[in-house]
Structures are given as structure tokens and as C-alpha cells.
Amino acid sequence: MPLRLRPKNADPQERALWGDLMSLGLVFPIAIALGFFGGRWIGGWFGHAQVGQWIGLTYGIATGFWELYKVTQKLDRMDQQNQDKQDPKDKS
């Protein structure tokens, strides 16, 4: 069969991690844009649209970096598990 949808050695955790890594390219700009415009909109309610947009922009940037942190932690745990499987050490 020339087109195989699921290789036999595919690890579901690895596929999920690749999906998370690829989604980072969308998470950053969407989080920043939503934070910016959402902050401007909410700040406009209180009569301070410019202050709201800066607060929203900061929140959007922080959200993007938080998502990056979560993905790198997941990658680090997966890498540690793979190292433990390949090189078991006696801890006695």
C-alpha cells in the first residue's frame, strides 16, 4: 500500500507533541492580537482604550510565552523518559 495513514511505530504522545509545537506558530500572533484588541475594547468601556490595549497586549504576550513554556516542559519530560528507557542506570 503506497499511502499508509498510520505507521506501525507511531507514538501517540510524539504526534501530540508535534501538534503542540506546530500550533505555537498560531498561538503567539492570535494571543497577542486578541489581547491587544480585547484590552482596547474593554478599556474603551472605562474610557481608557489606550491603557486597556497595553494591558491586553501584555496579557497576550504573557499567554503566548506561557504556552511556549508548557510545550517545552512537555518536550523535556518526554526527552527525559526516552533517555531513561535508552540508558537505564543502577541507582544502588
PDB file of N, CA and C in Angstrom:
ATOM      1  N   MET A   1       0.841  -1.176   0.000  1.00  0.00           N
ATOM      2  CA  MET A   1       0.000   0.000   0.000  1.00  0.00           C
ATOM      3  C   MET A   1       0.888   1.242   0.000  1.00  0.00           C
ATOM      4  N   PRO A   2       0.857   2.063  -1.022  1.00  0.00           N
ATOM      5  CA  PRO A   2       1.775   3.195  -1.123  1.00  0.00           C
ATOM      6  C   PRO A   2       1.477   4.315  -0.120  1.00  0.00           C
ATOM      7  N   LEU A   3       0.230   4.487   0.276  1.00  0.00           N
ATOM      8  CA  LEU A   3      -0.121   5.551   1.213  1.00  0.00           C
ATOM      9  C   LEU A   3      -0.584   4.931   2.519  1.00  0.00           C
ATOM     10  N   ARG A   4       0.252   5.046   3.528  1.00  0.00           N
ATOM     11  CA  ARG A   4      -0.074   4.473   4.828  1.00  0.00           C
ATOM     12  C   ARG A   4      -0.401   5.625   5.779  1.00  0.00           C
ATOM     13  N   LEU A   5      -1.593   5.637   6.323  1.00  0.00           N
ATOM     14  CA  LEU A   5      -2.029   6.720   7.179  1.00  0.00           C
ATOM     15  C   LEU A   5      -1.389   6.674   8.563  1.00  0.00           C
ATOM     16  N   ARG A   6      -1.183   5.495   9.078  1.00  0.00           N
ATOM     17  CA  ARG A   6      -0.619   5.367  10.411  1.00  0.00           C
ATOM     18  C   ARG A   6       0.531   4.368  10.398  1.00  0.00           C
ATOM     19  N   PRO A   7       1.764   4.861  10.553  1.00  0.00           N
ATOM     20  CA  PRO A   7       2.877   3.923  10.620  1.00  0.00           C
ATOM     21  C   PRO A   7       2.759   3.037  11.856  1.00  0.00           C
ATOM     22  N   LYS A   8       3.333   1.859  11.761  1.00  0.00           N
ATOM     23  CA  LYS A   8       3.219   0.898  12.859  1.00  0.00           C
ATOM     24  C   LYS A   8       3.947   1.362  14.113  1.00  0.00           C
ATOM     25  N   ASN A   9       5.008   2.134  13.950  1.00  0.00           N
ATOM     26  CA  ASN A   9       5.790   2.553  15.111  1.00  0.00           C
ATOM     27  C   ASN A   9       5.448   3.972  15.571  1.00  0.00           C
ATOM     28  N   ALA A  10       4.290   4.478  15.214  1.00  0.00           N
ATOM     29  CA  ALA A  10       3.908   5.841  15.595  1.00  0.00           C
ATOM     30  C   ALA A  10       3.531   5.897  17.073  1.00  0.00           C
ATOM     31  N   ASP A  11       4.129   6.832  17.774  1.00  0.00           N
ATOM     32  CA  ASP A  11       3.843   7.035  19.188  1.00  0.00           C
ATOM     33  C   ASP A  11       2.816   8.163  19.308  1.00  0.00           C
ATOM     34  N   PRO A  12       1.664   7.911  19.919  1.00  0.00           N
ATOM     35  CA  PRO A  12       0.644   8.956  20.031  1.00  0.00           C
ATOM     36  C   PRO A  12       1.119  10.185  20.807  1.00  0.00           C
ATOM     37  N   GLN A  13       1.966   9.991  21.821  1.00  0.00           N
ATOM     38  CA  GLN A  13       2.487  11.141  22.562  1.00  0.00           C
ATOM     39  C   GLN A  13       3.373  12.012  21.689  1.00  0.00           C
ATOM     40  N   GLU A  14       4.164  11.371  20.842  1.00  0.00           N
ATOM     41  CA  GLU A  14       5.042  12.129  19.961  1.00  0.00           C
ATOM     42  C   GLU A  14       4.237  12.913  18.935  1.00  0.00           C
ATOM     43  N   ARG A  15       3.189  12.300  18.413  1.00  0.00           N
ATOM     44  CA  ARG A  15       2.331  13.009  17.467  1.00  0.00           C
ATOM     45  C   ARG A  15       1.648  14.205  18.124  1.00  0.00           C
ATOM     46  N   ALA A  16       1.190  14.023  19.353  1.00  0.00           N
ATOM     47  CA  ALA A  16       0.548  15.127  20.070  1.00  0.00           C
ATOM     48  C   ALA A  16       1.545  16.251  20.320  1.00  0.00           C
ATOM     49  N   LEU A  17       2.790  15.890  20.630  1.00  0.00           N
ATOM     50  CA  LEU A  17       3.812  16.897  20.857  1.00  0.00           C
ATOM     51  C   LEU A  17       4.106  17.676  19.585  1.00  0.00           C
ATOM     52  N   TRP A  18       4.176  16.980  18.455  1.00  0.00           N
ATOM     53  CA  TRP A  18       4.401  17.674  17.191  1.00  0.00           C
ATOM     54  C   TRP A  18       3.250  18.627  16.885  1.00  0.00           C
ATOM     55  N   GLY A  19       2.038  18.214  17.215  1.00  0.00           N
ATOM     56  CA  GLY A  19       0.890  19.108  17.026  1.00  0.00           C
ATOM     57  C   GLY A  19       1.001  20.346  17.895  1.00  0.00           C
ATOM     58  N   ASP A  20       1.441  20.172  19.137  1.00  0.00           N
ATOM     59  CA  ASP A  20       1.630  21.313  20.028  1.00  0.00           C
ATOM     60  C   ASP A  20       2.713  22.250  19.502  1.00  0.00           C
ATOM     61  N   LEU A  21       3.802  21.680  19.025  1.00  0.00           N
ATOM     62  CA  LEU A  21       4.897  22.511  18.507  1.00  0.00           C
ATOM     63  C   LEU A  21       4.467  23.296  17.272  1.00  0.00           C
ATOM     64  N   MET A  22       3.713  22.654  16.394  1.00  0.00           N
ATOM     65  CA  MET A  22       3.268  23.348  15.192  1.00  0.00           C
ATOM     66  C   MET A  22       2.217  24.412  15.496  1.00  0.00           C
ATOM     67  N   SER A  23       1.455  24.211  16.552  1.00  0.00           N
ATOM     68  CA  SER A  23       0.430  25.193  16.890  1.00  0.00           C
ATOM     69  C   SER A  23       1.019  26.467  17.486  1.00  0.00           C
ATOM     70  N   LEU A  24       2.261  26.423  17.955  1.00  0.00           N
ATOM     71  CA  LEU A  24       2.875  27.621  18.538  1.00  0.00           C
ATOM     72  C   LEU A  24       2.964  28.759  17.526  1.00  0.00           C
ATOM     73  N   GLY A  25       3.105  28.421  16.261  1.00  0.00           N
ATOM     74  CA  GLY A  25       3.152  29.453  15.224  1.00  0.00           C
ATOM     75  C   GLY A  25       1.857  30.226  15.110  1.00  0.00           C
ATOM     76  N   LEU A  26       0.771  29.627  15.516  1.00  0.00           N
ATOM     77  CA  LEU A  26      -0.517  30.327  15.508  1.00  0.00           C
ATOM     78  C   LEU A  26      -0.860  30.922  16.868  1.00  0.00           C
ATOM     79  N   VAL A  27      -0.417  30.272  17.928  1.00  0.00           N
ATOM     80  CA  VAL A  27      -0.782  30.716  19.269  1.00  0.00           C
ATOM     81  C   VAL A  27      -0.219  32.103  19.552  1.00  0.00           C
ATOM     82  N   PHE A  28       1.033  32.352  19.206  1.00  0.00           N
ATOM     83  CA  PHE A  28       1.638  33.646  19.505  1.00  0.00           C
ATOM     84  C   PHE A  28       0.882  34.804  18.860  1.00  0.00           C
ATOM     85  N   PRO A  29       0.723  34.841  17.538  1.00  0.00           N
ATOM     86  CA  PRO A  29       0.045  36.010  16.961  1.00  0.00           C
ATOM     87  C   PRO A  29      -1.426  36.120  17.360  1.00  0.00           C
ATOM     88  N   ILE A  30      -2.117  35.003  17.503  1.00  0.00           N
ATOM     89  CA  ILE A  30      -3.531  35.069  17.882  1.00  0.00           C
ATOM     90  C   ILE A  30      -3.673  35.575  19.316  1.00  0.00           C
ATOM     91  N   ALA A  31      -2.847  35.069  20.236  1.00  0.00           N
ATOM     92  CA  ALA A  31      -2.916  35.521  21.632  1.00  0.00           C
ATOM     93  C   ALA A  31      -2.590  37.006  21.741  1.00  0.00           C
ATOM     94  N   ILE A  32      -1.589  37.451  21.008  1.00  0.00           N
ATOM     95  CA  ILE A  32      -1.203  38.863  21.065  1.00  0.00           C
ATOM     96  C   ILE A  32      -2.298  39.740  20.467  1.00  0.00           C
ATOM     97  N   ALA A  33      -2.840  39.343  19.326  1.00  0.00           N
ATOM     98  CA  ALA A  33      -3.895  40.142  18.691  1.00  0.00           C
ATOM     99  C   ALA A  33      -5.162  40.174  19.538  1.00  0.00           C
ATOM    100  N   LEU A  34      -5.568  39.023  20.073  1.00  0.00           N
ATOM    101  CA  LEU A  34      -6.758  39.004  20.923  1.00  0.00           C
ATOM    102  C   LEU A  34      -6.555  39.824  22.191  1.00  0.00           C
ATOM    103  N   GLY A  35      -5.382  39.735  22.783  1.00  0.00           N
ATOM    104  CA  GLY A  35      -5.103  40.535  23.971  1.00  0.00           C
ATOM    105  C   GLY A  35      -5.121  42.018  23.666  1.00  0.00           C
ATOM    106  N   PHE A  36      -4.522  42.407  22.554  1.00  0.00           N
ATOM    107  CA  PHE A  36      -4.460  43.820  22.175  1.00  0.00           C
ATOM    108  C   PHE A  36      -5.856  44.387  21.920  1.00  0.00           C
ATOM    109  N   PHE A  37      -6.594  43.731  21.028  1.00  0.00           N
ATOM    110  CA  PHE A  37      -7.905  44.268  20.667  1.00  0.00           C
ATOM    111  C   PHE A  37      -8.937  44.066  21.772  1.00  0.00           C
ATOM    112  N   GLY A  38      -8.829  42.954  22.507  1.00  0.00           N
ATOM    113  CA  GLY A  38      -9.724  42.746  23.636  1.00  0.00           C
ATOM    114  C   GLY A  38      -9.479  43.769  24.739  1.00  0.00           C
ATOM    115  N   GLY A  39      -8.229  44.065  25.012  1.00  0.00           N
ATOM    116  CA  GLY A  39      -7.896  45.083  26.006  1.00  0.00           C
ATOM    117  C   GLY A  39      -8.352  46.460  25.581  1.00  0.00           C
ATOM    118  N   ARG A  40      -8.227  46.739  24.297  1.00  0.00           N
ATOM    119  CA  ARG A  40      -8.686  48.041  23.790  1.00  0.00           C
ATOM    120  C   ARG A  40     -10.196  48.167  23.910  1.00  0.00           C
ATOM    121  N   TRP A  41     -10.891  47.076  23.614  1.00  0.00           N
ATOM    122  CA  TRP A  41     -12.348  47.079  23.692  1.00  0.00           C
ATOM    123  C   TRP A  41     -12.826  47.244  25.142  1.00  0.00           C
ATOM    124  N   ILE A  42     -12.239  46.469  26.042  1.00  0.00           N
ATOM    125  CA  ILE A  42     -12.628  46.565  27.451  1.00  0.00           C
ATOM    126  C   ILE A  42     -12.204  47.918  28.033  1.00  0.00           C
ATOM    127  N   GLY A  43     -11.021  48.386  27.654  1.00  0.00           N
ATOM    128  CA  GLY A  43     -10.574  49.698  28.126  1.00  0.00           C
ATOM    129  C   GLY A  43     -11.468  50.819  27.623  1.00  0.00           C
ATOM    130  N   GLY A  44     -12.039  50.645  26.424  1.00  0.00           N
ATOM    131  CA  GLY A  44     -12.965  51.639  25.890  1.00  0.00           C
ATOM    132  C   GLY A  44     -14.226  51.762  26.730  1.00  0.00           C
ATOM    133  N   TRP A  45     -14.635  50.677  27.351  1.00  0.00           N
ATOM    134  CA  TRP A  45     -15.804  50.727  28.240  1.00  0.00           C
ATOM    135  C   TRP A  45     -15.566  51.690  29.409  1.00  0.00           C
ATOM    136  N   PHE A  46     -14.320  51.713  29.878  1.00  0.00           N
ATOM    137  CA  PHE A  46     -13.982  52.536  31.028  1.00  0.00           C
ATOM    138  C   PHE A  46     -13.404  53.890  30.640  1.00  0.00           C
ATOM    139  N   GLY A  47     -13.352  54.155  29.334  1.00  0.00           N
ATOM    140  CA  GLY A  47     -12.858  55.441  28.865  1.00  0.00           C
ATOM    141  C   GLY A  47     -11.345  55.530  28.760  1.00  0.00           C
ATOM    142  N   HIS A  48     -10.665  54.420  28.826  1.00  0.00           N
ATOM    143  CA  HIS A  48      -9.196  54.399  28.728  1.00  0.00           C
ATOM    144  C   HIS A  48      -8.765  53.296  27.761  1.00  0.00           C
ATOM    145  N   ALA A  49      -9.082  53.487  26.497  1.00  0.00           N
ATOM    146  CA  ALA A  49      -8.798  52.454  25.499  1.00  0.00           C
ATOM    147  C   ALA A  49      -7.304  52.201  25.352  1.00  0.00           C
ATOM    148  N   GLN A  50      -6.505  53.256  25.437  1.00  0.00           N
ATOM    149  CA  GLN A  50      -5.064  53.089  25.246  1.00  0.00           C
ATOM    150  C   GLN A  50      -4.438  52.305  26.396  1.00  0.00           C
ATOM    151  N   VAL A  51      -4.861  52.563  27.597  1.00  0.00           N
ATOM    152  CA  VAL A  51      -4.352  51.810  28.741  1.00  0.00           C
ATOM    153  C   VAL A  51      -4.786  50.348  28.631  1.00  0.00           C
ATOM    154  N   GLY A  52      -6.033  50.138  28.239  1.00  0.00           N
ATOM    155  CA  GLY A  52      -6.547  48.782  28.077  1.00  0.00           C
ATOM    156  C   GLY A  52      -5.796  48.001  27.016  1.00  0.00           C
ATOM    157  N   GLN A  53      -5.428  48.664  25.919  1.00  0.00           N
ATOM    158  CA  GLN A  53      -4.712  47.938  24.870  1.00  0.00           C
ATOM    159  C   GLN A  53      -3.327  47.531  25.334  1.00  0.00           C
ATOM    160  N   TRP A  54      -2.666  48.341  26.145  1.00  0.00           N
ATOM    161  CA  TRP A  54      -1.349  47.966  26.654  1.00  0.00           C
ATOM    162  C   TRP A  54      -1.446  46.828  27.650  1.00  0.00           C
ATOM    163  N   ILE A  55      -2.460  46.874  28.496  1.00  0.00           N
ATOM    164  CA  ILE A  55      -2.660  45.778  29.441  1.00  0.00           C
ATOM    165  C   ILE A  55      -3.002  44.495  28.690  1.00  0.00           C
ATOM    166  N   GLY A  56      -3.879  44.592  27.690  1.00  0.00           N
ATOM    167  CA  GLY A  56      -4.241  43.426  26.886  1.00  0.00           C
ATOM    168  C   GLY A  56      -3.063  42.884  26.098  1.00  0.00           C
ATOM    169  N   LEU A  57      -2.240  43.778  25.551  1.00  0.00           N
ATOM    170  CA  LEU A  57      -1.052  43.349  24.808  1.00  0.00           C
ATOM    171  C   LEU A  57      -0.095  42.591  25.720  1.00  0.00           C
ATOM    172  N   THR A  58       0.105  43.110  26.923  1.00  0.00           N
ATOM    173  CA  THR A  58       0.967  42.427  27.890  1.00  0.00           C
ATOM    174  C   THR A  58       0.407  41.056  28.241  1.00  0.00           C
ATOM    175  N   TYR A  59      -0.898  40.999  28.441  1.00  0.00           N
ATOM    176  CA  TYR A  59      -1.544  39.727  28.753  1.00  0.00           C
ATOM    177  C   TYR A  59      -1.402  38.740  27.578  1.00  0.00           C
ATOM    178  N   GLY A  60      -1.569  39.209  26.354  1.00  0.00           N
ATOM    179  CA  GLY A  60      -1.430  38.347  25.184  1.00  0.00           C
ATOM    180  C   GLY A  60      -0.019  37.806  25.029  1.00  0.00           C
ATOM    181  N   ILE A  61       0.966  38.646  25.249  1.00  0.00           N
ATOM    182  CA  ILE A  61       2.361  38.196  25.162  1.00  0.00           C
ATOM    183  C   ILE A  61       2.651  37.172  26.258  1.00  0.00           C
ATOM    184  N   ALA A  62       2.177  37.447  27.469  1.00  0.00           N
ATOM    185  CA  ALA A  62       2.387  36.507  28.570  1.00  0.00           C
ATOM    186  C   ALA A  62       1.709  35.173  28.281  1.00  0.00           C
ATOM    187  N   THR A  63       0.523  35.208  27.687  1.00  0.00           N
ATOM    188  CA  THR A  63      -0.187  33.977  27.348  1.00  0.00           C
ATOM    189  C   THR A  63       0.586  33.174  26.300  1.00  0.00           C
ATOM    190  N   GLY A  64       1.137  33.843  25.293  1.00  0.00           N
ATOM    191  CA  GLY A  64       1.934  33.156  24.281  1.00  0.00           C
ATOM    192  C   GLY A  64       3.164  32.493  24.874  1.00  0.00           C
ATOM    193  N   PHE A  65       3.853  33.198  25.762  1.00  0.00           N
ATOM    194  CA  PHE A  65       5.030  32.610  26.383  1.00  0.00           C
ATOM    195  C   PHE A  65       4.676  31.506  27.371  1.00  0.00           C
ATOM    196  N   TRP A  66       3.516  31.615  28.017  1.00  0.00           N
ATOM    197  CA  TRP A  66       3.078  30.538  28.917  1.00  0.00           C
ATOM    198  C   TRP A  66       2.838  29.263  28.110  1.00  0.00           C
ATOM    199  N   GLU A  67       2.237  29.386  26.939  1.00  0.00           N
ATOM    200  CA  GLU A  67       2.011  28.221  26.083  1.00  0.00           C
ATOM    201  C   GLU A  67       3.347  27.634  25.624  1.00  0.00           C
ATOM    202  N   LEU A  68       4.298  28.481  25.290  1.00  0.00           N
ATOM    203  CA  LEU A  68       5.631  28.007  24.919  1.00  0.00           C
ATOM    204  C   LEU A  68       6.276  27.260  26.079  1.00  0.00           C
ATOM    205  N   TYR A  69       6.134  27.773  27.288  1.00  0.00           N
ATOM    206  CA  TYR A  69       6.692  27.120  28.475  1.00  0.00           C
ATOM    207  C   TYR A  69       6.070  25.738  28.677  1.00  0.00           C
ATOM    208  N   LYS A  70       4.750  25.636  28.538  1.00  0.00           N
ATOM    209  CA  LYS A  70       4.083  24.348  28.719  1.00  0.00           C
ATOM    210  C   LYS A  70       4.556  23.328  27.696  1.00  0.00           C
ATOM    211  N   VAL A  71       4.716  23.740  26.451  1.00  0.00           N
ATOM    212  CA  VAL A  71       5.156  22.811  25.407  1.00  0.00           C
ATOM    213  C   VAL A  71       6.597  22.380  25.650  1.00  0.00           C
ATOM    214  N   THR A  72       7.468  23.306  26.067  1.00  0.00           N
ATOM    215  CA  THR A  72       8.855  22.917  26.313  1.00  0.00           C
ATOM    216  C   THR A  72       8.966  21.997  27.528  1.00  0.00           C
ATOM    217  N   GLN A  73       8.116  22.194  28.530  1.00  0.00           N
ATOM    218  CA  GLN A  73       8.124  21.288  29.676  1.00  0.00           C
ATOM    219  C   GLN A  73       7.675  19.884  29.259  1.00  0.00           C
ATOM    220  N   LYS A  74       6.666  19.818  28.402  1.00  0.00           N
ATOM    221  CA  LYS A  74       6.203  18.522  27.914  1.00  0.00           C
ATOM    222  C   LYS A  74       7.294  17.844  27.095  1.00  0.00           C
ATOM    223  N   LEU A  75       7.996  18.620  26.266  1.00  0.00           N
ATOM    224  CA  LEU A  75       9.095  18.082  25.468  1.00  0.00           C
ATOM    225  C   LEU A  75      10.223  17.603  26.363  1.00  0.00           C
ATOM    226  N   ASP A  76      10.518  18.342  27.414  1.00  0.00           N
ATOM    227  CA  ASP A  76      11.578  17.963  28.343  1.00  0.00           C
ATOM    228  C   ASP A  76      11.233  16.666  29.074  1.00  0.00           C
ATOM    229  N   ARG A  77       9.979  16.523  29.529  1.00  0.00           N
ATOM    230  CA  ARG A  77       9.570  15.281  30.192  1.00  0.00           C
ATOM    231  C   ARG A  77       9.667  14.093  29.240  1.00  0.00           C
ATOM    232  N   MET A  78       9.248  14.295  28.002  1.00  0.00           N
ATOM    233  CA  MET A  78       9.296  13.210  27.020  1.00  0.00           C
ATOM    234  C   MET A  78      10.746  12.829  26.708  1.00  0.00           C
ATOM    235  N   ASP A  79      11.617  13.823  26.610  1.00  0.00           N
ATOM    236  CA  ASP A  79      13.033  13.558  26.368  1.00  0.00           C
ATOM    237  C   ASP A  79      13.657  12.814  27.537  1.00  0.00           C
ATOM    238  N   GLN A  80      13.287  13.196  28.755  1.00  0.00           N
ATOM    239  CA  GLN A  80      13.809  12.513  29.944  1.00  0.00           C
ATOM    240  C   GLN A  80      13.355  11.057  29.982  1.00  0.00           C
ATOM    241  N   GLN A  81      12.099  10.797  29.629  1.00  0.00           N
ATOM    242  CA  GLN A  81      11.595   9.427  29.595  1.00  0.00           C
ATOM    243  C   GLN A  81      12.338   8.602  28.555  1.00  0.00           C
ATOM    244  N   ASN A  82      12.608   9.191  27.394  1.00  0.00           N
ATOM    245  CA  ASN A  82      13.341   8.471  26.353  1.00  0.00           C
ATOM    246  C   ASN A  82      14.769   8.177  26.784  1.00  0.00           C
ATOM    247  N   GLN A  83      15.407   9.098  27.493  1.00  0.00           N
ATOM    248  CA  GLN A  83      16.761   8.855  27.976  1.00  0.00           C
ATOM    249  C   GLN A  83      16.774   7.751  29.027  1.00  0.00           C
ATOM    250  N   ASP A  84      15.747   7.742  29.889  1.00  0.00           N
ATOM    251  CA  ASP A  84      15.676   6.688  30.905  1.00  0.00           C
ATOM    252  C   ASP A  84      15.466   5.318  30.273  1.00  0.00           C
ATOM    253  N   LYS A  85      14.721   5.270  29.196  1.00  0.00           N
ATOM    254  CA  LYS A  85      14.476   3.983  28.513  1.00  0.00           C
ATOM    255  C   LYS A  85      15.737   3.503  27.807  1.00  0.00           C
ATOM    256  N   GLN A  86      16.502   4.411  27.214  1.00  0.00           N
ATOM    257  CA  GLN A  86      17.682   4.022  26.452  1.00  0.00           C
ATOM    258  C   GLN A  86      18.891   3.719  27.333  1.00  0.00           C
ATOM    259  N   ASP A  87      19.029   4.448  28.413  1.00  0.00           N
ATOM    260  CA  ASP A  87      20.220   4.303  29.255  1.00  0.00           C
ATOM    261  C   ASP A  87      19.813   4.125  30.721  1.00  0.00           C
ATOM    262  N   PRO A  88      19.295   2.946  31.077  1.00  0.00           N
ATOM    263  CA  PRO A  88      18.925   2.740  32.495  1.00  0.00           C
ATOM    264  C   PRO A  88      20.173   2.656  33.371  1.00  0.00           C
ATOM    265  N   LYS A  89      20.149   3.370  34.470  1.00  0.00           N
ATOM    266  CA  LYS A  89      21.298   3.386  35.386  1.00  0.00           C
ATOM    267  C   LYS A  89      20.872   2.770  36.703  1.00  0.00           C
ATOM    268  N   ASP A  90      21.776   2.027  37.312  1.00  0.00           N
ATOM    269  CA  ASP A  90      21.520   1.481  38.640  1.00  0.00           C
ATOM    270  C   ASP A  90      21.701   2.593  39.654  1.00  0.00           C
ATOM    271  N   LYS A  91      20.714   2.784  40.473  1.00  0.00           N
ATOM    272  CA  LYS A  91      20.787   3.823  41.489  1.00  0.00           C
ATOM    273  C   LYS A  91      21.048   3.234  42.862  1.00  0.00           C
ATOM    274  N   SER A  92      21.714   2.099  42.871  1.00  0.00           N
ATOM    275  CA  SER A  92      22.003   1.449  44.160  1.00  0.00           C
ATOM    276  C   SER A  92      23.437   1.664  44.563  1.00  0.00           C
TER     277      SER A  92
END
